[in-house]
Amino acid sequence: MTGEMTIEETNGYECASEARRFRPVTAEVIRALEGIVGTGGVVVDAERLEVYSHDETSEADYVRMPEVVVKPRDASEVSQILRLANRETIPVTPRGSGTGLSGGCVPMFGGIVLSMERMNRIIEVDRENLFIVVEPGVTTGEIQRRARRKGCSMRATRVRPKARR
């Protein structure tokens, strides 16, 4: 035995040394998470977890199943979840609405997906100073709708490639 892990043993991760750094989510951890966010804020069944295994990227390389999804309601709950995950050496992947195209919300090492969907309030729209304060689960579409109602517009930022010289 060489000590190498198979792909199956690393939950599909090509880099076994990275996967070894983390511990699995246990029943005890799930109970602790339920104590933080309530049972309605924790997802463990495979069918519902699948939605959180990818973003809008269509490539199969960017699909990884989380072990659990946790939906905090406020910053205090986020802090408690992160403290627990750090203590237990469990990876955490934050997720907004999952509409990205870069794989940023894909839980590459399993663990906890920290879904911000319940933190979805628009706190303030300041028309005079042209800013909006939102929680992380607010979608861009909702921000645009609220801005329009206040007589403003929010345009998507486009990154243009630099011209070649």
C-alpha atoms as a PDB file:
ATOM      1  CA  MET A   1       0.000   0.000   0.000  1.00  0.00           C
ATOM      2  CA  THR A   2       1.470   3.325  -1.079  1.00  0.00           C
ATOM      3  CA  GLY A   3      -0.770   5.491   1.078  1.00  0.00           C
ATOM      4  CA  GLU A   4      -2.354   7.068  -2.003  1.00  0.00           C
ATOM      5  CA  MET A   5      -6.106   7.607  -1.915  1.00  0.00           C
ATOM      6  CA  THR A   6      -8.316   6.604  -4.811  1.00  0.00           C
ATOM      7  CA  ILE A   7     -10.625   9.132  -6.488  1.00  0.00           C
ATOM      8  CA  GLU A   8     -13.578   7.441  -4.766  1.00  0.00           C
ATOM      9  CA  GLU A   9     -11.933   7.858  -1.357  1.00  0.00           C
ATOM     10  CA  THR A  10     -11.449  11.576  -1.997  1.00  0.00           C
ATOM     11  CA  ASN A  11     -15.091  12.121  -3.097  1.00  0.00           C
ATOM     12  CA  GLY A  12     -13.907  12.767  -6.633  1.00  0.00           C
ATOM     13  CA  TYR A  13     -11.214  15.290  -5.777  1.00  0.00           C
ATOM     14  CA  GLU A  14      -8.149  14.940  -7.923  1.00  0.00           C
ATOM     15  CA  CYS A  15      -5.895  16.314  -5.195  1.00  0.00           C
ATOM     16  CA  ALA A  16      -5.953  13.741  -2.397  1.00  0.00           C
ATOM     17  CA  SER A  17      -3.638  15.795  -0.171  1.00  0.00           C
ATOM     18  CA  GLU A  18      -6.157  18.645  -0.184  1.00  0.00           C
ATOM     19  CA  ALA A  19      -9.060  16.301   0.608  1.00  0.00           C
ATOM     20  CA  ARG A  20      -7.149  14.771   3.544  1.00  0.00           C
ATOM     21  CA  ARG A  21      -6.978  18.141   5.304  1.00  0.00           C
ATOM     22  CA  PHE A  22     -10.699  18.040   6.041  1.00  0.00           C
ATOM     23  CA  ARG A  23     -12.937  15.932   8.222  1.00  0.00           C
ATOM     24  CA  PRO A  24     -16.413  14.730   7.238  1.00  0.00           C
ATOM     25  CA  VAL A  25     -19.660  16.217   8.506  1.00  0.00           C
ATOM     26  CA  THR A  26     -20.929  13.939  11.286  1.00  0.00           C
ATOM     27  CA  ALA A  27     -24.393  13.497  12.801  1.00  0.00           C
ATOM     28  CA  GLU A  28     -23.122  15.456  15.807  1.00  0.00           C
ATOM     29  CA  VAL A  29     -22.106  18.372  13.559  1.00  0.00           C
ATOM     30  CA  ILE A  30     -25.514  18.305  11.839  1.00  0.00           C
ATOM     31  CA  ARG A  31     -27.235  18.476  15.243  1.00  0.00           C
ATOM     32  CA  ALA A  32     -25.033  21.446  16.182  1.00  0.00           C
ATOM     33  CA  LEU A  33     -25.885  23.179  12.876  1.00  0.00           C
ATOM     34  CA  GLU A  34     -29.612  22.596  13.528  1.00  0.00           C
ATOM     35  CA  GLY A  35     -29.101  24.151  16.951  1.00  0.00           C
ATOM     36  CA  ILE A  36     -27.716  27.270  15.257  1.00  0.00           C
ATOM     37  CA  VAL A  37     -30.172  27.763  12.357  1.00  0.00           C
ATOM     38  CA  GLY A  38     -33.093  25.468  13.217  1.00  0.00           C
ATOM     39  CA  THR A  39     -34.034  22.259  11.407  1.00  0.00           C
ATOM     40  CA  GLY A  40     -35.587  24.215   8.514  1.00  0.00           C
ATOM     41  CA  GLY A  41     -32.222  25.817   7.820  1.00  0.00           C
ATOM     42  CA  VAL A  42     -30.317  22.550   7.317  1.00  0.00           C
ATOM     43  CA  VAL A  43     -30.494  20.385   4.174  1.00  0.00           C
ATOM     44  CA  VAL A  44     -29.126  16.825   4.225  1.00  0.00           C
ATOM     45  CA  ASP A  45     -31.184  14.769   1.772  1.00  0.00           C
ATOM     46  CA  ALA A  46     -29.396  13.924  -1.488  1.00  0.00           C
ATOM     47  CA  GLU A  47     -32.119  15.120  -3.846  1.00  0.00           C
ATOM     48  CA  ARG A  48     -32.182  18.600  -2.315  1.00  0.00           C
ATOM     49  CA  LEU A  49     -28.369  18.703  -1.963  1.00  0.00           C
ATOM     50  CA  GLU A  50     -27.922  18.195  -5.714  1.00  0.00           C
ATOM     51  CA  VAL A  51     -29.136  21.744  -6.420  1.00  0.00           C
ATOM     52  CA  TYR A  52     -26.210  23.041  -4.342  1.00  0.00           C
ATOM     53  CA  SER A  53     -23.587  20.892  -6.112  1.00  0.00           C
ATOM     54  CA  HIS A  54     -23.122  23.302  -9.022  1.00  0.00           C
ATOM     55  CA  ASP A  55     -23.792  26.793 -10.326  1.00  0.00           C
ATOM     56  CA  GLU A  56     -24.963  27.667 -13.839  1.00  0.00           C
ATOM     57  CA  THR A  57     -21.754  26.316 -15.379  1.00  0.00           C
ATOM     58  CA  SER A  58     -22.615  23.366 -17.567  1.00  0.00           C
ATOM     59  CA  GLU A  59     -19.275  21.575 -17.253  1.00  0.00           C
ATOM     60  CA  ALA A  60     -19.264  18.314 -15.307  1.00  0.00           C
ATOM     61  CA  ASP A  61     -15.867  19.215 -13.801  1.00  0.00           C
ATOM     62  CA  TYR A  62     -17.681  21.828 -11.724  1.00  0.00           C
ATOM     63  CA  VAL A  63     -20.087  19.541  -9.891  1.00  0.00           C
ATOM     64  CA  ARG A  64     -19.387  18.369  -6.334  1.00  0.00           C
ATOM     65  CA  MET A  65     -21.919  17.261  -3.738  1.00  0.00           C
ATOM     66  CA  PRO A  66     -21.929  19.049  -0.407  1.00  0.00           C
ATOM     67  CA  GLU A  67     -22.447  16.985   2.719  1.00  0.00           C
ATOM     68  CA  VAL A  68     -24.853  19.534   4.173  1.00  0.00           C
ATOM     69  CA  VAL A  69     -26.353  22.909   3.252  1.00  0.00           C
ATOM     70  CA  VAL A  70     -26.867  25.460   5.998  1.00  0.00           C
ATOM     71  CA  LYS A  71     -29.045  28.567   5.582  1.00  0.00           C
ATOM     72  CA  PRO A  72     -28.274  31.217   8.197  1.00  0.00           C
ATOM     73  CA  ARG A  73     -30.577  34.178   8.830  1.00  0.00           C
ATOM     74  CA  ASP A  74     -28.010  36.684  10.095  1.00  0.00           C
ATOM     75  CA  ALA A  75     -24.323  37.433  10.684  1.00  0.00           C
ATOM     76  CA  SER A  76     -24.395  35.919  14.170  1.00  0.00           C
ATOM     77  CA  GLU A  77     -25.473  32.543  12.753  1.00  0.00           C
ATOM     78  CA  VAL A  78     -22.810  32.783  10.023  1.00  0.00           C
ATOM     79  CA  SER A  79     -20.200  33.386  12.717  1.00  0.00           C
ATOM     80  CA  GLN A  80     -21.372  30.400  14.775  1.00  0.00           C
ATOM     81  CA  ILE A  81     -21.353  28.123  11.717  1.00  0.00           C
ATOM     82  CA  LEU A  82     -17.836  29.192  10.744  1.00  0.00           C
ATOM     83  CA  ARG A  83     -16.581  28.731  14.307  1.00  0.00           C
ATOM     84  CA  LEU A  84     -18.012  25.184  14.357  1.00  0.00           C
ATOM     85  CA  ALA A  85     -16.578  24.329  10.930  1.00  0.00           C
ATOM     86  CA  ASN A  86     -13.164  25.671  11.895  1.00  0.00           C
ATOM     87  CA  ARG A  87     -13.139  23.713  15.154  1.00  0.00           C
ATOM     88  CA  GLU A  88     -14.142  20.509  13.308  1.00  0.00           C
ATOM     89  CA  THR A  89     -11.875  21.167  10.273  1.00  0.00           C
ATOM     90  CA  ILE A  90     -14.797  21.022   7.828  1.00  0.00           C
ATOM     91  CA  PRO A  91     -14.615  22.988   4.558  1.00  0.00           C
ATOM     92  CA  VAL A  92     -17.184  25.737   3.995  1.00  0.00           C
ATOM     93  CA  THR A  93     -18.252  27.063   0.601  1.00  0.00           C
ATOM     94  CA  PRO A  94     -20.316  30.259   0.588  1.00  0.00           C
ATOM     95  CA  ARG A  95     -23.163  30.492  -1.916  1.00  0.00           C
ATOM     96  CA  GLY A  96     -25.351  33.386  -2.997  1.00  0.00           C
ATOM     97  CA  SER A  97     -28.041  32.417  -5.470  1.00  0.00           C
ATOM     98  CA  GLY A  98     -25.910  29.970  -7.489  1.00  0.00           C
ATOM     99  CA  THR A  99     -26.340  31.845 -10.753  1.00  0.00           C
ATOM    100  CA  GLY A 100     -22.629  32.388 -11.356  1.00  0.00           C
ATOM    101  CA  LEU A 101     -20.702  30.923 -14.266  1.00  0.00           C
ATOM    102  CA  SER A 102     -17.295  30.483 -12.662  1.00  0.00           C
ATOM    103  CA  GLY A 103     -17.808  27.557 -10.264  1.00  0.00           C
ATOM    104  CA  GLY A 104     -17.150  29.789  -7.254  1.00  0.00           C
ATOM    105  CA  CYS A 105     -20.002  28.304  -5.211  1.00  0.00           C
ATOM    106  CA  VAL A 106     -19.144  24.674  -5.995  1.00  0.00           C
ATOM    107  CA  PRO A 107     -18.163  22.778  -2.820  1.00  0.00           C
ATOM    108  CA  MET A 108     -14.976  21.263  -4.274  1.00  0.00           C
ATOM    109  CA  PHE A 109     -14.123  19.539  -0.979  1.00  0.00           C
ATOM    110  CA  GLY A 110     -17.650  18.628   0.099  1.00  0.00           C
ATOM    111  CA  GLY A 111     -18.376  19.845   3.598  1.00  0.00           C
ATOM    112  CA  ILE A 112     -20.786  22.679   4.289  1.00  0.00           C
ATOM    113  CA  VAL A 113     -22.419  24.915   1.711  1.00  0.00           C
ATOM    114  CA  LEU A 114     -23.238  28.176   3.462  1.00  0.00           C
ATOM    115  CA  SER A 115     -26.291  29.323   1.507  1.00  0.00           C
ATOM    116  CA  MET A 116     -27.131  32.986   1.916  1.00  0.00           C
ATOM    117  CA  GLU A 117     -30.640  32.633   0.468  1.00  0.00           C
ATOM    118  CA  ARG A 118     -32.386  33.470   3.771  1.00  0.00           C
ATOM    119  CA  MET A 119     -30.259  36.620   4.159  1.00  0.00           C
ATOM    120  CA  ASN A 120     -32.125  38.373   1.387  1.00  0.00           C
ATOM    121  CA  ARG A 121     -33.176  41.773   2.667  1.00  0.00           C
ATOM    122  CA  ILE A 122     -32.526  45.102   1.019  1.00  0.00           C
ATOM    123  CA  ILE A 123     -31.540  47.262   3.984  1.00  0.00           C
ATOM    124  CA  GLU A 124     -31.332  50.700   2.396  1.00  0.00           C
ATOM    125  CA  VAL A 125     -31.666  52.433  -0.954  1.00  0.00           C
ATOM    126  CA  ASP A 126     -29.953  55.838  -0.848  1.00  0.00           C
ATOM    127  CA  ARG A 127     -30.956  57.642  -4.023  1.00  0.00           C
ATOM    128  CA  GLU A 128     -29.125  60.840  -3.126  1.00  0.00           C
ATOM    129  CA  ASN A 129     -25.748  59.122  -2.666  1.00  0.00           C
ATOM    130  CA  LEU A 130     -26.430  56.373  -5.219  1.00  0.00           C
ATOM    131  CA  PHE A 131     -25.874  53.269  -3.121  1.00  0.00           C
ATOM    132  CA  ILE A 132     -27.840  50.287  -1.903  1.00  0.00           C
ATOM    133  CA  VAL A 133     -27.110  48.230   1.221  1.00  0.00           C
ATOM    134  CA  VAL A 134     -28.116  44.583   0.843  1.00  0.00           C
ATOM    135  CA  GLU A 135     -27.639  41.249   2.545  1.00  0.00           C
ATOM    136  CA  PRO A 136     -25.628  38.647   0.594  1.00  0.00           C
ATOM    137  CA  GLY A 137     -28.626  36.600  -0.562  1.00  0.00           C
ATOM    138  CA  VAL A 138     -30.273  39.415  -2.521  1.00  0.00           C
ATOM    139  CA  THR A 139     -30.267  38.704  -6.244  1.00  0.00           C
ATOM    140  CA  THR A 140     -29.062  41.209  -8.813  1.00  0.00           C
ATOM    141  CA  GLY A 141     -32.540  41.151 -10.363  1.00  0.00           C
ATOM    142  CA  GLU A 142     -34.150  42.206  -7.071  1.00  0.00           C
ATOM    143  CA  ILE A 143     -31.591  45.002  -6.649  1.00  0.00           C
ATOM    144  CA  GLN A 144     -32.355  46.248 -10.155  1.00  0.00           C
ATOM    145  CA  ARG A 145     -36.148  46.167  -9.525  1.00  0.00           C
ATOM    146  CA  ARG A 146     -35.817  48.096  -6.258  1.00  0.00           C
ATOM    147  CA  ALA A 147     -33.458  50.640  -7.824  1.00  0.00           C
ATOM    148  CA  ARG A 148     -35.946  51.251 -10.673  1.00  0.00           C
ATOM    149  CA  ARG A 149     -38.776  51.798  -8.178  1.00  0.00           C
ATOM    150  CA  LYS A 150     -36.619  54.490  -6.561  1.00  0.00           C
ATOM    151  CA  GLY A 151     -35.913  56.120  -9.932  1.00  0.00           C
ATOM    152  CA  CYS A 152     -32.382  54.756 -10.235  1.00  0.00           C
ATOM    153  CA  SER A 153     -30.756  52.150 -12.397  1.00  0.00           C
ATOM    154  CA  MET A 154     -28.100  49.635 -11.584  1.00  0.00           C
ATOM    155  CA  ARG A 155     -26.137  48.479 -14.527  1.00  0.00           C
ATOM    156  CA  ALA A 156     -24.087  45.335 -14.564  1.00  0.00           C
ATOM    157  CA  THR A 157     -20.385  46.016 -14.454  1.00  0.00           C
ATOM    158  CA  ARG A 158     -18.689  44.834 -17.571  1.00  0.00           C
ATOM    159  CA  VAL A 159     -15.014  44.097 -17.702  1.00  0.00           C
ATOM    160  CA  ARG A 160     -13.642  44.998 -21.075  1.00  0.00           C
ATOM    161  CA  PRO A 161     -10.441  43.415 -22.306  1.00  0.00           C
ATOM    162  CA  LYS A 162      -7.555  45.825 -22.599  1.00  0.00           C
ATOM    163  CA  ALA A 163      -6.737  46.863 -26.122  1.00  0.00           C
ATOM    164  CA  ARG A 164      -3.596  45.357 -27.554  1.00  0.00           C
ATOM    165  CA  ARG A 165      -0.832  47.775 -28.340  1.00  0.00           C
END
